[in-house]
Amino acid sequence: MMFVFASLGSRETPSGWPVHLMHQTEWAFVIVAIICMLLGRLLRGIVPYELFAIVGGIGAGFALVMPFELAPFFFGSSGEIMLASMALILVYPVAVALFIFLFLKILRPGRA
């Protein structure tokens, strides 16, 4: 998400294939999260809102953590930094769980 929101006001496009790839992938995750929130609101009562909260939370969690984990691989960092970034795999479940909780609060029936 950091690349997506940082680039909203920018007129420059990302340079190099790794930055471009991470940028495009993040856009996809953010779009999935937004679509899940909208569909969860529109299809309330037809499809369980928990389904949209789970899918949207997974997309938002991956979009938040993925650039921090993959950046060292794309930019030729030392082996120690690459191994340290692998520890971020442990952050994915936490980020996903927090976003699912947030989406459940947003999509919960009874909210206008």
PDB file of N, CA and C in Angstrom:
ATOM      1  N   MET A   1       0.811  -1.186   0.000  1.00  0.00           N
ATOM      2  CA  MET A   1       0.000   0.000   0.000  1.00  0.00           C
ATOM      3  C   MET A   1       0.856   1.251   0.000  1.00  0.00           C
ATOM      4  N   MET A   2       2.063   1.130   0.500  1.00  0.00           N
ATOM      5  CA  MET A   2       2.880   2.339   0.598  1.00  0.00           C
ATOM      6  C   MET A   2       3.166   2.924  -0.765  1.00  0.00           C
ATOM      7  N   PHE A   3       3.434   2.082  -1.779  1.00  0.00           N
ATOM      8  CA  PHE A   3       3.702   2.603  -3.110  1.00  0.00           C
ATOM      9  C   PHE A   3       2.449   3.217  -3.718  1.00  0.00           C
ATOM     10  N   VAL A   4       1.320   2.593  -3.504  1.00  0.00           N
ATOM     11  CA  VAL A   4       0.071   3.075  -4.099  1.00  0.00           C
ATOM     12  C   VAL A   4      -0.285   4.441  -3.549  1.00  0.00           C
ATOM     13  N   PHE A   5      -0.318   4.582  -2.232  1.00  0.00           N
ATOM     14  CA  PHE A   5      -0.747   5.843  -1.659  1.00  0.00           C
ATOM     15  C   PHE A   5       0.312   6.928  -1.809  1.00  0.00           C
ATOM     16  N   ALA A   6       1.577   6.540  -1.838  1.00  0.00           N
ATOM     17  CA  ALA A   6       2.635   7.532  -2.040  1.00  0.00           C
ATOM     18  C   ALA A   6       2.619   8.076  -3.455  1.00  0.00           C
ATOM     19  N   SER A   7       2.115   7.296  -4.400  1.00  0.00           N
ATOM     20  CA  SER A   7       2.156   7.724  -5.796  1.00  0.00           C
ATOM     21  C   SER A   7       0.880   8.426  -6.247  1.00  0.00           C
ATOM     22  N   LEU A   8      -0.122   8.519  -5.410  1.00  0.00           N
ATOM     23  CA  LEU A   8      -1.386   9.115  -5.846  1.00  0.00           C
ATOM     24  C   LEU A   8      -1.213  10.553  -6.313  1.00  0.00           C
ATOM     25  N   GLY A   9      -0.392  11.331  -5.635  1.00  0.00           N
ATOM     26  CA  GLY A   9      -0.197  12.720  -6.019  1.00  0.00           C
ATOM     27  C   GLY A   9       0.985  12.925  -6.934  1.00  0.00           C
ATOM     28  N   SER A  10       1.694  11.865  -7.267  1.00  0.00           N
ATOM     29  CA  SER A  10       2.901  11.987  -8.068  1.00  0.00           C
ATOM     30  C   SER A  10       2.581  11.898  -9.553  1.00  0.00           C
ATOM     31  N   ARG A  11       3.276  12.686 -10.347  1.00  0.00           N
ATOM     32  CA  ARG A  11       3.106  12.634 -11.798  1.00  0.00           C
ATOM     33  C   ARG A  11       4.138  11.726 -12.446  1.00  0.00           C
ATOM     34  N   GLU A  12       5.108  11.289 -11.664  1.00  0.00           N
ATOM     35  CA  GLU A  12       6.158  10.421 -12.191  1.00  0.00           C
ATOM     36  C   GLU A  12       5.733   8.966 -12.081  1.00  0.00           C
ATOM     37  N   THR A  13       6.142   8.190 -13.077  1.00  0.00           N
ATOM     38  CA  THR A  13       5.876   6.760 -13.026  1.00  0.00           C
ATOM     39  C   THR A  13       7.071   6.073 -12.384  1.00  0.00           C
ATOM     40  N   PRO A  14       6.862   4.916 -11.774  1.00  0.00           N
ATOM     41  CA  PRO A  14       7.977   4.232 -11.143  1.00  0.00           C
ATOM     42  C   PRO A  14       9.000   3.814 -12.191  1.00  0.00           C
ATOM     43  N   SER A  15      10.266   3.768 -11.789  1.00  0.00           N
ATOM     44  CA  SER A  15      11.301   3.407 -12.744  1.00  0.00           C
ATOM     45  C   SER A  15      11.806   2.000 -12.466  1.00  0.00           C
ATOM     46  N   GLY A  16      12.140   1.293 -13.514  1.00  0.00           N
ATOM     47  CA  GLY A  16      12.694  -0.047 -13.395  1.00  0.00           C
ATOM     48  C   GLY A  16      11.616  -1.091 -13.207  1.00  0.00           C
ATOM     49  N   TRP A  17      11.878  -2.276 -13.706  1.00  0.00           N
ATOM     50  CA  TRP A  17      10.864  -3.321 -13.637  1.00  0.00           C
ATOM     51  C   TRP A  17      10.518  -3.752 -12.223  1.00  0.00           C
ATOM     52  N   PRO A  18      11.469  -3.824 -11.263  1.00  0.00           N
ATOM     53  CA  PRO A  18      11.036  -4.286  -9.943  1.00  0.00           C
ATOM     54  C   PRO A  18      10.070  -3.324  -9.276  1.00  0.00           C
ATOM     55  N   VAL A  19      10.377  -2.038  -9.377  1.00  0.00           N
ATOM     56  CA  VAL A  19       9.491  -1.045  -8.759  1.00  0.00           C
ATOM     57  C   VAL A  19       8.146  -1.056  -9.469  1.00  0.00           C
ATOM     58  N   HIS A  20       8.171  -1.140 -10.780  1.00  0.00           N
ATOM     59  CA  HIS A  20       6.931  -1.163 -11.551  1.00  0.00           C
ATOM     60  C   HIS A  20       6.102  -2.406 -11.194  1.00  0.00           C
ATOM     61  N   LEU A  21       6.745  -3.559 -11.089  1.00  0.00           N
ATOM     62  CA  LEU A  21       6.043  -4.794 -10.744  1.00  0.00           C
ATOM     63  C   LEU A  21       5.424  -4.701  -9.354  1.00  0.00           C
ATOM     64  N   MET A  22       6.180  -4.220  -8.375  1.00  0.00           N
ATOM     65  CA  MET A  22       5.640  -4.093  -7.027  1.00  0.00           C
ATOM     66  C   MET A  22       4.508  -3.075  -6.991  1.00  0.00           C
ATOM     67  N   HIS A  23       4.668  -1.995  -7.742  1.00  0.00           N
ATOM     68  CA  HIS A  23       3.641  -0.963  -7.807  1.00  0.00           C
ATOM     69  C   HIS A  23       2.334  -1.529  -8.374  1.00  0.00           C
ATOM     70  N   GLN A  24       2.422  -2.252  -9.470  1.00  0.00           N
ATOM     71  CA  GLN A  24       1.227  -2.817 -10.103  1.00  0.00           C
ATOM     72  C   GLN A  24       0.575  -3.883  -9.224  1.00  0.00           C
ATOM     73  N   THR A  25       1.379  -4.703  -8.581  1.00  0.00           N
ATOM     74  CA  THR A  25       0.837  -5.733  -7.698  1.00  0.00           C
ATOM     75  C   THR A  25       0.119  -5.103  -6.511  1.00  0.00           C
ATOM     76  N   GLU A  26       0.697  -4.066  -5.957  1.00  0.00           N
ATOM     77  CA  GLU A  26       0.040  -3.380  -4.852  1.00  0.00           C
ATOM     78  C   GLU A  26      -1.286  -2.768  -5.287  1.00  0.00           C
ATOM     79  N   TRP A  27      -1.300  -2.153  -6.464  1.00  0.00           N
ATOM     80  CA  TRP A  27      -2.566  -1.609  -6.972  1.00  0.00           C
ATOM     81  C   TRP A  27      -3.617  -2.702  -7.031  1.00  0.00           C
ATOM     82  N   ALA A  28      -3.233  -3.889  -7.514  1.00  0.00           N
ATOM     83  CA  ALA A  28      -4.196  -4.994  -7.605  1.00  0.00           C
ATOM     84  C   ALA A  28      -4.737  -5.364  -6.225  1.00  0.00           C
ATOM     85  N   PHE A  29      -3.873  -5.469  -5.218  1.00  0.00           N
ATOM     86  CA  PHE A  29      -4.325  -5.809  -3.867  1.00  0.00           C
ATOM     87  C   PHE A  29      -5.236  -4.731  -3.293  1.00  0.00           C
ATOM     88  N   VAL A  30      -4.902  -3.469  -3.495  1.00  0.00           N
ATOM     89  CA  VAL A  30      -5.725  -2.377  -2.982  1.00  0.00           C
ATOM     90  C   VAL A  30      -7.086  -2.360  -3.678  1.00  0.00           C
ATOM     91  N   ILE A  31      -7.097  -2.580  -4.981  1.00  0.00           N
ATOM     92  CA  ILE A  31      -8.366  -2.613  -5.719  1.00  0.00           C
ATOM     93  C   ILE A  31      -9.237  -3.762  -5.232  1.00  0.00           C
ATOM     94  N   VAL A  32      -8.635  -4.929  -4.990  1.00  0.00           N
ATOM     95  CA  VAL A  32      -9.397  -6.067  -4.456  1.00  0.00           C
ATOM     96  C   VAL A  32     -10.001  -5.706  -3.104  1.00  0.00           C
ATOM     97  N   ALA A  33      -9.232  -5.051  -2.251  1.00  0.00           N
ATOM     98  CA  ALA A  33      -9.736  -4.679  -0.932  1.00  0.00           C
ATOM     99  C   ALA A  33     -10.909  -3.704  -1.042  1.00  0.00           C
ATOM    100  N   ILE A  34     -10.795  -2.722  -1.920  1.00  0.00           N
ATOM    101  CA  ILE A  34     -11.874  -1.741  -2.095  1.00  0.00           C
ATOM    102  C   ILE A  34     -13.117  -2.393  -2.691  1.00  0.00           C
ATOM    103  N   ILE A  35     -12.935  -3.249  -3.683  1.00  0.00           N
ATOM    104  CA  ILE A  35     -14.075  -3.950  -4.285  1.00  0.00           C
ATOM    105  C   ILE A  35     -14.766  -4.822  -3.252  1.00  0.00           C
ATOM    106  N   CYS A  36     -13.990  -5.492  -2.413  1.00  0.00           N
ATOM    107  CA  CYS A  36     -14.594  -6.325  -1.369  1.00  0.00           C
ATOM    108  C   CYS A  36     -15.418  -5.486  -0.396  1.00  0.00           C
ATOM    109  N   MET A  37     -14.923  -4.315  -0.036  1.00  0.00           N
ATOM    110  CA  MET A  37     -15.702  -3.460   0.856  1.00  0.00           C
ATOM    111  C   MET A  37     -16.994  -3.013   0.183  1.00  0.00           C
ATOM    112  N   LEU A  38     -16.915  -2.607  -1.082  1.00  0.00           N
ATOM    113  CA  LEU A  38     -18.119  -2.155  -1.785  1.00  0.00           C
ATOM    114  C   LEU A  38     -19.120  -3.286  -1.976  1.00  0.00           C
ATOM    115  N   LEU A  39     -18.639  -4.455  -2.419  1.00  0.00           N
ATOM    116  CA  LEU A  39     -19.546  -5.591  -2.616  1.00  0.00           C
ATOM    117  C   LEU A  39     -20.150  -6.054  -1.295  1.00  0.00           C
ATOM    118  N   GLY A  40     -19.349  -6.010  -0.241  1.00  0.00           N
ATOM    119  CA  GLY A  40     -19.870  -6.389   1.072  1.00  0.00           C
ATOM    120  C   GLY A  40     -21.018  -5.497   1.510  1.00  0.00           C
ATOM    121  N   ARG A  41     -20.933  -4.218   1.166  1.00  0.00           N
ATOM    122  CA  ARG A  41     -22.016  -3.281   1.503  1.00  0.00           C
ATOM    123  C   ARG A  41     -23.223  -3.477   0.591  1.00  0.00           C
ATOM    124  N   LEU A  42     -22.961  -3.686  -0.712  1.00  0.00           N
ATOM    125  CA  LEU A  42     -24.054  -3.819  -1.679  1.00  0.00           C
ATOM    126  C   LEU A  42     -24.801  -5.134  -1.560  1.00  0.00           C
ATOM    127  N   LEU A  43     -24.093  -6.209  -1.271  1.00  0.00           N
ATOM    128  CA  LEU A  43     -24.702  -7.538  -1.243  1.00  0.00           C
ATOM    129  C   LEU A  43     -25.024  -8.008   0.167  1.00  0.00           C
ATOM    130  N   ARG A  44     -25.140  -7.069   1.077  1.00  0.00           N
ATOM    131  CA  ARG A  44     -25.456  -7.408   2.459  1.00  0.00           C
ATOM    132  C   ARG A  44     -26.775  -8.168   2.514  1.00  0.00           C
ATOM    133  N   GLY A  45     -26.783  -9.282   3.201  1.00  0.00           N
ATOM    134  CA  GLY A  45     -27.986 -10.096   3.315  1.00  0.00           C
ATOM    135  C   GLY A  45     -28.079 -11.169   2.240  1.00  0.00           C
ATOM    136  N   ILE A  46     -27.389 -10.987   1.127  1.00  0.00           N
ATOM    137  CA  ILE A  46     -27.396 -11.986   0.051  1.00  0.00           C
ATOM    138  C   ILE A  46     -26.194 -12.916   0.202  1.00  0.00           C
ATOM    139  N   VAL A  47     -25.046 -12.330   0.407  1.00  0.00           N
ATOM    140  CA  VAL A  47     -23.794 -13.072   0.602  1.00  0.00           C
ATOM    141  C   VAL A  47     -23.264 -12.676   1.979  1.00  0.00           C
ATOM    142  N   PRO A  48     -22.761 -13.631   2.751  1.00  0.00           N
ATOM    143  CA  PRO A  48     -22.249 -13.274   4.077  1.00  0.00           C
ATOM    144  C   PRO A  48     -21.141 -12.222   3.993  1.00  0.00           C
ATOM    145  N   TYR A  49     -21.284 -11.164   4.763  1.00  0.00           N
ATOM    146  CA  TYR A  49     -20.305 -10.080   4.730  1.00  0.00           C
ATOM    147  C   TYR A  49     -18.941 -10.546   5.234  1.00  0.00           C
ATOM    148  N   GLU A  50     -18.919 -11.611   6.035  1.00  0.00           N
ATOM    149  CA  GLU A  50     -17.643 -12.133   6.524  1.00  0.00           C
ATOM    150  C   GLU A  50     -16.743 -12.598   5.379  1.00  0.00           C
ATOM    151  N   LEU A  51     -17.346 -13.119   4.320  1.00  0.00           N
ATOM    152  CA  LEU A  51     -16.579 -13.566   3.152  1.00  0.00           C
ATOM    153  C   LEU A  51     -15.816 -12.394   2.532  1.00  0.00           C
ATOM    154  N   PHE A  52     -16.499 -11.272   2.368  1.00  0.00           N
ATOM    155  CA  PHE A  52     -15.850 -10.092   1.799  1.00  0.00           C
ATOM    156  C   PHE A  52     -14.799  -9.523   2.748  1.00  0.00           C
ATOM    157  N   ALA A  53     -15.056  -9.612   4.052  1.00  0.00           N
ATOM    158  CA  ALA A  53     -14.084  -9.129   5.025  1.00  0.00           C
ATOM    159  C   ALA A  53     -12.811  -9.970   4.980  1.00  0.00           C
ATOM    160  N   ILE A  54     -12.948 -11.273   4.806  1.00  0.00           N
ATOM    161  CA  ILE A  54     -11.777 -12.151   4.760  1.00  0.00           C
ATOM    162  C   ILE A  54     -10.967 -11.905   3.493  1.00  0.00           C
ATOM    163  N   VAL A  55     -11.628 -11.872   2.351  1.00  0.00           N
ATOM    164  CA  VAL A  55     -10.908 -11.662   1.083  1.00  0.00           C
ATOM    165  C   VAL A  55     -10.281 -10.266   1.049  1.00  0.00           C
ATOM    166  N   GLY A  56     -11.020  -9.258   1.446  1.00  0.00           N
ATOM    167  CA  GLY A  56     -10.476  -7.901   1.475  1.00  0.00           C
ATOM    168  C   GLY A  56      -9.332  -7.754   2.465  1.00  0.00           C
ATOM    169  N   GLY A  57      -9.455  -8.406   3.625  1.00  0.00           N
ATOM    170  CA  GLY A  57      -8.388  -8.359   4.624  1.00  0.00           C
ATOM    171  C   GLY A  57      -7.115  -9.022   4.145  1.00  0.00           C
ATOM    172  N   ILE A  58      -7.245 -10.128   3.429  1.00  0.00           N
ATOM    173  CA  ILE A  58      -6.069 -10.801   2.872  1.00  0.00           C
ATOM    174  C   ILE A  58      -5.395  -9.895   1.846  1.00  0.00           C
ATOM    175  N   GLY A  59      -6.185  -9.297   0.963  1.00  0.00           N
ATOM    176  CA  GLY A  59      -5.612  -8.396  -0.042  1.00  0.00           C
ATOM    177  C   GLY A  59      -4.916  -7.203   0.574  1.00  0.00           C
ATOM    178  N   ALA A  60      -5.546  -6.580   1.553  1.00  0.00           N
ATOM    179  CA  ALA A  60      -4.947  -5.405   2.189  1.00  0.00           C
ATOM    180  C   ALA A  60      -3.710  -5.776   3.004  1.00  0.00           C
ATOM    181  N   GLY A  61      -3.746  -6.912   3.685  1.00  0.00           N
ATOM    182  CA  GLY A  61      -2.591  -7.352   4.464  1.00  0.00           C
ATOM    183  C   GLY A  61      -1.384  -7.641   3.584  1.00  0.00           C
ATOM    184  N   PHE A  62      -1.606  -8.316   2.463  1.00  0.00           N
ATOM    185  CA  PHE A  62      -0.510  -8.597   1.543  1.00  0.00           C
ATOM    186  C   PHE A  62       0.025  -7.313   0.922  1.00  0.00           C
ATOM    187  N   ALA A  63      -0.854  -6.387   0.586  1.00  0.00           N
ATOM    188  CA  ALA A  63      -0.408  -5.126  -0.015  1.00  0.00           C
ATOM    189  C   ALA A  63       0.420  -4.304   0.960  1.00  0.00           C
ATOM    190  N   LEU A  64       0.168  -4.452   2.235  1.00  0.00           N
ATOM    191  CA  LEU A  64       0.918  -3.697   3.233  1.00  0.00           C
ATOM    192  C   LEU A  64       2.314  -4.274   3.458  1.00  0.00           C
ATOM    193  N   VAL A  65       2.434  -5.597   3.555  1.00  0.00           N
ATOM    194  CA  VAL A  65       3.689  -6.232   3.949  1.00  0.00           C
ATOM    195  C   VAL A  65       4.589  -6.571   2.761  1.00  0.00           C
ATOM    196  N   MET A  66       4.004  -6.930   1.626  1.00  0.00           N
ATOM    197  CA  MET A  66       4.762  -7.440   0.491  1.00  0.00           C
ATOM    198  C   MET A  66       5.917  -6.549   0.037  1.00  0.00           C
ATOM    199  N   PRO A  67       5.756  -5.245  -0.117  1.00  0.00           N
ATOM    200  CA  PRO A  67       6.887  -4.442  -0.600  1.00  0.00           C
ATOM    201  C   PRO A  67       8.085  -4.460   0.339  1.00  0.00           C
ATOM    202  N   PHE A  68       7.829  -4.465   1.636  1.00  0.00           N
ATOM    203  CA  PHE A  68       8.927  -4.499   2.594  1.00  0.00           C
ATOM    204  C   PHE A  68       9.684  -5.820   2.513  1.00  0.00           C
ATOM    205  N   GLU A  69       8.945  -6.902   2.240  1.00  0.00           N
ATOM    206  CA  GLU A  69       9.584  -8.211   2.168  1.00  0.00           C
ATOM    207  C   GLU A  69      10.361  -8.385   0.865  1.00  0.00           C
ATOM    208  N   LEU A  70       9.809  -7.922  -0.242  1.00  0.00           N
ATOM    209  CA  LEU A  70      10.418  -8.191  -1.547  1.00  0.00           C
ATOM    210  C   LEU A  70      11.455  -7.161  -1.990  1.00  0.00           C
ATOM    211  N   ALA A  71      11.423  -5.974  -1.462  1.00  0.00           N
ATOM    212  CA  ALA A  71      12.340  -4.931  -1.914  1.00  0.00           C
ATOM    213  C   ALA A  71      13.813  -5.334  -1.860  1.00  0.00           C
ATOM    214  N   PRO A  72      14.290  -5.971  -0.786  1.00  0.00           N
ATOM    215  CA  PRO A  72      15.710  -6.348  -0.780  1.00  0.00           C
ATOM    216  C   PRO A  72      16.090  -7.306  -1.903  1.00  0.00           C
ATOM    217  N   PHE A  73      15.188  -8.185  -2.308  1.00  0.00           N
ATOM    218  CA  PHE A  73      15.479  -9.127  -3.388  1.00  0.00           C
ATOM    219  C   PHE A  73      15.631  -8.402  -4.716  1.00  0.00           C
ATOM    220  N   PHE A  74      14.802  -7.402  -4.940  1.00  0.00           N
ATOM    221  CA  PHE A  74      14.807  -6.706  -6.220  1.00  0.00           C
ATOM    222  C   PHE A  74      15.949  -5.703  -6.340  1.00  0.00           C
ATOM    223  N   PHE A  75      16.441  -5.210  -5.232  1.00  0.00           N
ATOM    224  CA  PHE A  75      17.420  -4.135  -5.302  1.00  0.00           C
ATOM    225  C   PHE A  75      18.819  -4.549  -4.896  1.00  0.00           C
ATOM    226  N   GLY A  76      19.105  -5.856  -4.955  1.00  0.00           N
ATOM    227  CA  GLY A  76      20.458  -6.355  -4.770  1.00  0.00           C
ATOM    228  C   GLY A  76      21.053  -6.099  -3.403  1.00  0.00           C
ATOM    229  N   SER A  77      20.279  -6.277  -2.361  1.00  0.00           N
ATOM    230  CA  SER A  77      20.783  -6.067  -1.008  1.00  0.00           C
ATOM    231  C   SER A  77      21.646  -7.254  -0.579  1.00  0.00           C
ATOM    232  N   SER A  78      22.333  -7.090   0.518  1.00  0.00           N
ATOM    233  CA  SER A  78      23.194  -8.162   1.030  1.00  0.00           C
ATOM    234  C   SER A  78      22.343  -9.335   1.514  1.00  0.00           C
ATOM    235  N   GLY A  79      22.995 -10.471   1.668  1.00  0.00           N
ATOM    236  CA  GLY A  79      22.302 -11.683   2.108  1.00  0.00           C
ATOM    237  C   GLY A  79      21.650 -11.537   3.469  1.00  0.00           C
ATOM    238  N   GLU A  80      22.300 -10.806   4.370  1.00  0.00           N
ATOM    239  CA  GLU A  80      21.739 -10.637   5.716  1.00  0.00           C
ATOM    240  C   GLU A  80      20.432  -9.852   5.670  1.00  0.00           C
ATOM    241  N   ILE A  81      20.399  -8.823   4.831  1.00  0.00           N
ATOM    242  CA  ILE A  81      19.174  -8.032   4.713  1.00  0.00           C
ATOM    243  C   ILE A  81      18.071  -8.866   4.078  1.00  0.00           C
ATOM    244  N   MET A  82      18.434  -9.679   3.083  1.00  0.00           N
ATOM    245  CA  MET A  82      17.436 -10.544   2.459  1.00  0.00           C
ATOM    246  C   MET A  82      16.872 -11.540   3.463  1.00  0.00           C
ATOM    247  N   LEU A  83      17.737 -12.140   4.277  1.00  0.00           N
ATOM    248  CA  LEU A  83      17.258 -13.079   5.296  1.00  0.00           C
ATOM    249  C   LEU A  83      16.392 -12.377   6.333  1.00  0.00           C
ATOM    250  N   ALA A  84      16.774 -11.168   6.702  1.00  0.00           N
ATOM    251  CA  ALA A  84      15.977 -10.408   7.667  1.00  0.00           C
ATOM    252  C   ALA A  84      14.600 -10.097   7.092  1.00  0.00           C
ATOM    253  N   SER A  85      14.548  -9.810   5.783  1.00  0.00           N
ATOM    254  CA  SER A  85      13.249  -9.506   5.185  1.00  0.00           C
ATOM    255  C   SER A  85      12.361 -10.746   5.136  1.00  0.00           C
ATOM    256  N   MET A  86      12.968 -11.928   5.125  1.00  0.00           N
ATOM    257  CA  MET A  86      12.170 -13.161   5.153  1.00  0.00           C
ATOM    258  C   MET A  86      11.398 -13.295   6.460  1.00  0.00           C
ATOM    259  N   ALA A  87      11.908 -12.674   7.526  1.00  0.00           N
ATOM    260  CA  ALA A  87      11.206 -12.702   8.810  1.00  0.00           C
ATOM    261  C   ALA A  87       9.859 -11.988   8.716  1.00  0.00           C
ATOM    262  N   LEU A  88       9.697 -11.132   7.709  1.00  0.00           N
ATOM    263  CA  LEU A  88       8.425 -10.426   7.544  1.00  0.00           C
ATOM    264  C   LEU A  88       7.293 -11.377   7.162  1.00  0.00           C
ATOM    265  N   ILE A  89       7.627 -12.594   6.755  1.00  0.00           N
ATOM    266  CA  ILE A  89       6.588 -13.580   6.477  1.00  0.00           C
ATOM    267  C   ILE A  89       5.728 -13.777   7.721  1.00  0.00           C
ATOM    268  N   LEU A  90       6.332 -13.648   8.881  1.00  0.00           N
ATOM    269  CA  LEU A  90       5.594 -13.795  10.138  1.00  0.00           C
ATOM    270  C   LEU A  90       4.616 -12.648  10.371  1.00  0.00           C
ATOM    271  N   VAL A  91       4.807 -11.526   9.687  1.00  0.00           N
ATOM    272  CA  VAL A  91       3.943 -10.366   9.870  1.00  0.00           C
ATOM    273  C   VAL A  91       2.660 -10.496   9.040  1.00  0.00           C
ATOM    274  N   TYR A  92       2.686 -11.286   7.974  1.00  0.00           N
ATOM    275  CA  TYR A  92       1.503 -11.427   7.129  1.00  0.00           C
ATOM    276  C   TYR A  92       0.253 -11.821   7.919  1.00  0.00           C
ATOM    277  N   PRO A  93       0.300 -12.887   8.729  1.00  0.00           N
ATOM    278  CA  PRO A  93      -0.935 -13.260   9.455  1.00  0.00           C
ATOM    279  C   PRO A  93      -1.441 -12.159  10.375  1.00  0.00           C
ATOM    280  N   VAL A  94      -0.524 -11.436  11.001  1.00  0.00           N
ATOM    281  CA  VAL A  94      -0.933 -10.354  11.905  1.00  0.00           C
ATOM    282  C   VAL A  94      -1.614  -9.244  11.107  1.00  0.00           C
ATOM    283  N   ALA A  95      -0.991  -8.829   9.997  1.00  0.00           N
ATOM    284  CA  ALA A  95      -1.571  -7.761   9.176  1.00  0.00           C
ATOM    285  C   ALA A  95      -2.919  -8.189   8.604  1.00  0.00           C
ATOM    286  N   VAL A  96      -2.994  -9.417   8.121  1.00  0.00           N
ATOM    287  CA  VAL A  96      -4.261  -9.917   7.563  1.00  0.00           C
ATOM    288  C   VAL A  96      -5.333  -9.954   8.641  1.00  0.00           C
ATOM    289  N   ALA A  97      -4.996 -10.458   9.824  1.00  0.00           N
ATOM    290  CA  ALA A  97      -5.983 -10.536  10.911  1.00  0.00           C
ATOM    291  C   ALA A  97      -6.482  -9.144  11.302  1.00  0.00           C
ATOM    292  N   LEU A  98      -5.577  -8.182  11.371  1.00  0.00           N
ATOM    293  CA  LEU A  98      -6.003  -6.816  11.719  1.00  0.00           C
ATOM    294  C   LEU A  98      -6.913  -6.227  10.648  1.00  0.00           C
ATOM    295  N   PHE A  99      -6.586  -6.447   9.377  1.00  0.00           N
ATOM    296  CA  PHE A  99      -7.449  -5.927   8.318  1.00  0.00           C
ATOM    297  C   PHE A  99      -8.790  -6.647   8.281  1.00  0.00           C
ATOM    298  N   ILE A 100      -8.806  -7.955   8.517  1.00  0.00           N
ATOM    299  CA  ILE A 100     -10.088  -8.675   8.572  1.00  0.00           C
ATOM    300  C   ILE A 100     -10.952  -8.114   9.694  1.00  0.00           C
ATOM    301  N   PHE A 101     -10.347  -7.882  10.859  1.00  0.00           N
ATOM    302  CA  PHE A 101     -11.078  -7.287  11.975  1.00  0.00           C
ATOM    303  C   PHE A 101     -11.641  -5.918  11.587  1.00  0.00           C
ATOM    304  N   LEU A 102     -10.819  -5.111  10.920  1.00  0.00           N
ATOM    305  CA  LEU A 102     -11.263  -3.784  10.472  1.00  0.00           C
ATOM    306  C   LEU A 102     -12.417  -3.903   9.474  1.00  0.00           C
ATOM    307  N   PHE A 103     -12.291  -4.809   8.507  1.00  0.00           N
ATOM    308  CA  PHE A 103     -13.358  -4.979   7.513  1.00  0.00           C
ATOM    309  C   PHE A 103     -14.632  -5.501   8.159  1.00  0.00           C
ATOM    310  N   LEU A 104     -14.521  -6.394   9.145  1.00  0.00           N
ATOM    311  CA  LEU A 104     -15.716  -6.882   9.843  1.00  0.00           C
ATOM    312  C   LEU A 104     -16.421  -5.734  10.554  1.00  0.00           C
ATOM    313  N   LYS A 105     -15.653  -4.834  11.146  1.00  0.00           N
ATOM    314  CA  LYS A 105     -16.251  -3.672  11.803  1.00  0.00           C
ATOM    315  C   LYS A 105     -16.951  -2.761  10.784  1.00  0.00           C
ATOM    316  N   ILE A 106     -16.321  -2.568   9.627  1.00  0.00           N
ATOM    317  CA  ILE A 106     -16.893  -1.684   8.606  1.00  0.00           C
ATOM    318  C   ILE A 106     -18.139  -2.300   7.981  1.00  0.00           C
ATOM    319  N   LEU A 107     -18.090  -3.607   7.704  1.00  0.00           N
ATOM    320  CA  LEU A 107     -19.179  -4.266   6.967  1.00  0.00           C
ATOM    321  C   LEU A 107     -20.273  -4.825   7.875  1.00  0.00           C
ATOM    322  N   ARG A 108     -20.082  -4.795   9.162  1.00  0.00           N
ATOM    323  CA  ARG A 108     -21.049  -5.367  10.110  1.00  0.00           C
ATOM    324  C   ARG A 108     -22.440  -4.811   9.868  1.00  0.00           C
ATOM    325  N   PRO A 109     -23.446  -5.693   9.843  1.00  0.00           N
ATOM    326  CA  PRO A 109     -24.828  -5.196   9.700  1.00  0.00           C
ATOM    327  C   PRO A 109     -25.166  -4.258  10.857  1.00  0.00           C
ATOM    328  N   GLY A 110     -25.978  -3.283  10.551  1.00  0.00           N
ATOM    329  CA  GLY A 110     -26.340  -2.290  11.537  1.00  0.00           C
ATOM    330  C   GLY A 110     -25.608  -0.979  11.332  1.00  0.00           C
ATOM    331  N   ARG A 111     -24.535  -1.038  10.530  1.00  0.00           N
ATOM    332  CA  ARG A 111     -23.829   0.209  10.174  1.00  0.00           C
ATOM    333  C   ARG A 111     -24.514   0.783   8.950  1.00  0.00           C
ATOM    334  N   ALA A 112     -24.712   2.075   8.948  1.00  0.00           N
ATOM    335  CA  ALA A 112     -25.391   2.730   7.809  1.00  0.00           C
ATOM    336  C   ALA A 112     -24.514   2.796   6.600  1.00  0.00           C
TER     337      ALA A 112
END
